[in-house]
Protein backbone atom coordinates (compact mmCIF):
# COMPACT_ATOMS: atom_id res chain seq x y z
CA MET A 1 -109.35 100.98 -73.07
CA PRO A 2 -106.24 102.49 -71.56
CA ALA A 3 -102.96 102.54 -73.41
CA ARG A 4 -100.44 100.20 -71.83
CA PRO A 5 -97.50 100.78 -70.75
CA ARG A 6 -94.41 99.52 -73.56
CA ALA A 7 -92.18 97.26 -71.31
CA GLY A 8 -88.15 97.65 -72.07
CA TYR A 9 -85.82 100.27 -72.99
CA THR A 10 -85.91 102.17 -77.02
CA LEU A 11 -83.08 101.22 -79.31
CA ILE A 12 -81.91 104.76 -78.66
CA GLU A 13 -81.77 104.69 -74.80
CA VAL A 14 -79.25 101.52 -74.99
CA LEU A 15 -77.34 103.11 -76.90
CA VAL A 16 -76.12 106.34 -75.18
CA VAL A 17 -75.88 103.80 -71.37
CA VAL A 18 -73.56 102.09 -74.23
CA ALA A 19 -71.71 105.11 -74.94
CA VAL A 20 -71.48 106.18 -71.17
CA ILE A 21 -69.96 102.60 -70.20
CA ALA A 22 -67.00 103.43 -72.95
CA ILE A 23 -66.61 107.16 -71.98
CA THR A 24 -65.52 106.52 -68.83
CA ALA A 25 -63.90 102.98 -69.06
CA GLY A 26 -62.24 104.42 -71.52
CA PHE A 27 -61.24 107.78 -68.45
CA VAL A 28 -60.50 104.30 -66.41
CA VAL A 29 -57.88 102.78 -68.16
CA VAL A 30 -55.97 106.24 -68.78
CA ASN A 31 -55.95 107.39 -65.04
CA LEU A 32 -54.89 103.77 -64.50
CA GLU A 33 -51.55 103.40 -66.80
CA ARG A 34 -50.72 107.49 -65.86
CA ASP A 35 -50.81 106.09 -62.18
CA ASP A 36 -48.59 103.51 -63.33
CA ARG A 37 -46.34 106.08 -64.71
CA LYS A 38 -45.68 108.63 -61.33
CA SER A 39 -45.99 105.31 -59.50
CA VAL A 40 -42.55 104.05 -60.64
CA GLU A 41 -41.36 107.43 -60.93
CA ARG A 42 -41.76 108.80 -57.22
CA GLU A 43 -40.50 105.46 -57.01
CA ALA A 44 -37.40 106.07 -58.55
CA ALA A 45 -37.37 109.75 -57.51
CA ARG A 46 -37.40 107.12 -53.56
CA LEU A 47 -34.38 105.78 -55.17
CA ALA A 48 -32.41 108.39 -56.30
CA GLY A 49 -32.93 109.77 -52.64
CA ALA A 50 -31.72 107.16 -50.92
CA LEU A 51 -28.88 107.49 -53.63
CA GLU A 52 -27.42 110.60 -53.20
CA HIS A 53 -27.65 109.66 -49.31
CA ALA A 54 -25.54 106.83 -49.02
CA ALA A 55 -22.78 108.36 -50.96
CA ALA A 56 -23.15 111.26 -48.68
CA LEU A 57 -22.97 109.15 -45.59
CA ALA A 58 -20.26 106.68 -46.46
CA GLN A 59 -18.14 110.53 -46.68
CA TRP A 60 -19.63 111.75 -43.46
CA ARG A 61 -18.61 108.52 -41.43
CA SER A 62 -15.44 107.47 -43.81
CA GLU A 63 -16.73 104.13 -45.08
CA THR A 64 -17.87 101.39 -47.89
CA LEU A 65 -21.50 101.40 -49.09
CA GLY A 66 -22.71 99.52 -51.32
CA ILE A 67 -26.82 98.75 -52.96
CA SER A 68 -28.19 96.30 -54.42
CA ALA A 69 -30.21 95.55 -56.28
CA ASP A 70 -32.07 91.44 -56.84
CA GLY A 71 -35.15 91.89 -59.20
CA PRO A 72 -38.08 92.75 -56.59
CA SER A 73 -36.47 94.75 -54.27
CA TYR A 74 -32.54 96.09 -53.28
CA ARG A 75 -30.63 96.77 -49.92
CA PHE A 76 -28.42 98.24 -48.40
CA TRP A 77 -23.92 97.27 -47.45
CA ARG A 78 -22.00 98.23 -45.48
CA ARG A 79 -17.66 96.93 -46.25
CA GLY A 80 -16.47 96.38 -42.59
CA SER A 81 -12.79 96.12 -41.15
CA ASP A 82 -12.47 92.61 -42.95
CA ASN A 83 -13.88 94.05 -46.37
CA ARG A 84 -16.90 92.00 -45.38
CA TRP A 85 -20.48 93.13 -46.51
CA THR A 86 -22.63 93.46 -43.75
CA ALA A 87 -26.51 94.81 -44.60
CA VAL A 88 -26.84 98.07 -43.24
CA ARG A 89 -29.53 97.90 -40.88
CA ASP A 90 -29.49 101.15 -38.89
CA GLU A 91 -30.55 103.85 -41.11
CA ASP A 92 -34.77 103.93 -41.36
CA VAL A 93 -33.53 105.70 -45.35
CA LEU A 94 -31.27 102.45 -46.12
CA ALA A 95 -33.49 99.54 -45.09
CA PRO A 96 -33.84 97.39 -47.62
CA ARG A 97 -36.88 97.85 -50.12
CA ALA A 98 -39.43 95.45 -51.76
CA LEU A 99 -40.87 96.90 -54.82
CA PRO A 100 -44.63 96.28 -55.48
CA THR A 101 -46.79 93.04 -57.50
CA GLN A 102 -44.44 92.63 -61.43
CA TRP A 103 -42.24 96.09 -60.28
CA SER A 104 -38.33 94.94 -60.66
CA VAL A 105 -34.89 97.70 -59.91
CA SER A 106 -31.41 95.85 -61.85
CA PRO A 107 -28.19 97.24 -61.85
CA ILE A 108 -27.35 98.18 -65.19
CA SER A 109 -23.89 99.25 -65.73
CA TYR A 110 -20.80 100.70 -63.26
CA ALA A 111 -17.80 102.40 -64.36
CA GLY A 112 -19.09 102.32 -67.94
CA ALA A 113 -19.38 98.90 -68.19
CA PRO A 114 -21.78 95.80 -68.37
CA VAL A 115 -22.77 94.67 -64.42
CA ALA A 116 -23.56 91.42 -62.61
CA ALA A 117 -27.88 91.22 -61.41
CA ASN A 118 -25.64 90.35 -57.80
CA VAL A 119 -23.14 93.26 -57.72
CA ILE A 120 -22.34 96.05 -55.11
CA VAL A 121 -22.19 99.02 -56.25
CA PRO A 122 -19.59 101.08 -53.90
CA PHE A 123 -19.48 104.45 -52.99
CA ARG A 124 -16.46 105.38 -51.57
CA PRO A 125 -15.13 107.37 -48.59
CA SER A 126 -13.63 109.42 -50.31
CA GLY A 127 -16.95 110.68 -51.97
CA ARG A 128 -15.36 109.70 -55.63
CA ASN A 129 -17.23 107.19 -57.55
CA GLU A 130 -17.79 106.16 -60.52
CA PRO A 131 -20.49 106.92 -62.65
CA TYR A 132 -23.70 103.95 -62.26
CA ALA A 133 -26.84 103.52 -63.59
CA LEU A 134 -30.41 101.19 -62.31
CA ALA A 135 -33.22 100.89 -63.52
CA LEU A 136 -36.20 100.81 -62.30
CA SER A 137 -39.54 99.07 -64.21
CA SER A 138 -43.05 97.69 -64.14
CA PRO A 139 -44.82 96.20 -65.96
CA ALA A 140 -44.87 99.18 -68.33
CA TRP A 141 -42.42 101.80 -66.91
CA THR A 142 -39.66 101.80 -66.73
CA PHE A 143 -37.09 104.27 -65.24
CA VAL A 144 -33.22 104.46 -65.38
CA VAL A 145 -31.72 106.98 -62.05
CA THR A 146 -27.73 107.41 -63.26
CA GLY A 147 -24.88 108.95 -60.72
CA ASP A 148 -22.04 110.93 -61.71
CA PRO A 149 -19.17 111.27 -60.37
CA LEU A 150 -19.51 114.59 -58.41
CA ASN A 151 -22.57 111.51 -56.55
CA ARG A 152 -25.66 113.59 -58.67
CA VAL A 153 -28.22 111.18 -58.10
CA GLN A 154 -30.02 112.09 -61.70
CA VAL A 155 -33.78 109.93 -62.50
CA ALA A 156 -34.04 109.81 -67.08
CA ALA A 157 -37.31 110.26 -68.65
CA ALA A 158 -39.23 107.13 -69.17
CA THR A 159 -39.85 104.13 -71.60
CA ALA A 160 -42.34 102.37 -71.59
CA SER A 161 -41.60 98.54 -71.64
CA ARG A 162 -44.27 96.84 -73.33
């Protein structure tokens, strides 16, 4: 009588499959966390570029511009001759920007003092601006974007938000 083929898998085969799945899942988790940090860092760099552009544009056009950040988005403003702020609509770089879900941006300080969430941080036509800081956060990472009186904008190293 011929030998019957065995049914099922051995314990060793099952353990090898479980180990491969665990290692693959570990790589996926590490890569997703890195991607989140890189995504937030890219968004912080984009914000920093827009802030530098706004400060330079305020000088070139001899007008006061500003930025407001309200959690899931930020936008740029222009102060009119009547001292009222209106949204900037004619500049692609300064277009309103909505952040991905669960991300937020908020002002931290202006002229060395804490500020309210709804403040508009101004950029003067003279180019002499007060130092300011904005926080850009995802669920896992926070980057701080700062501007100095010489209109140099920097993105500070990330800190874990957890």
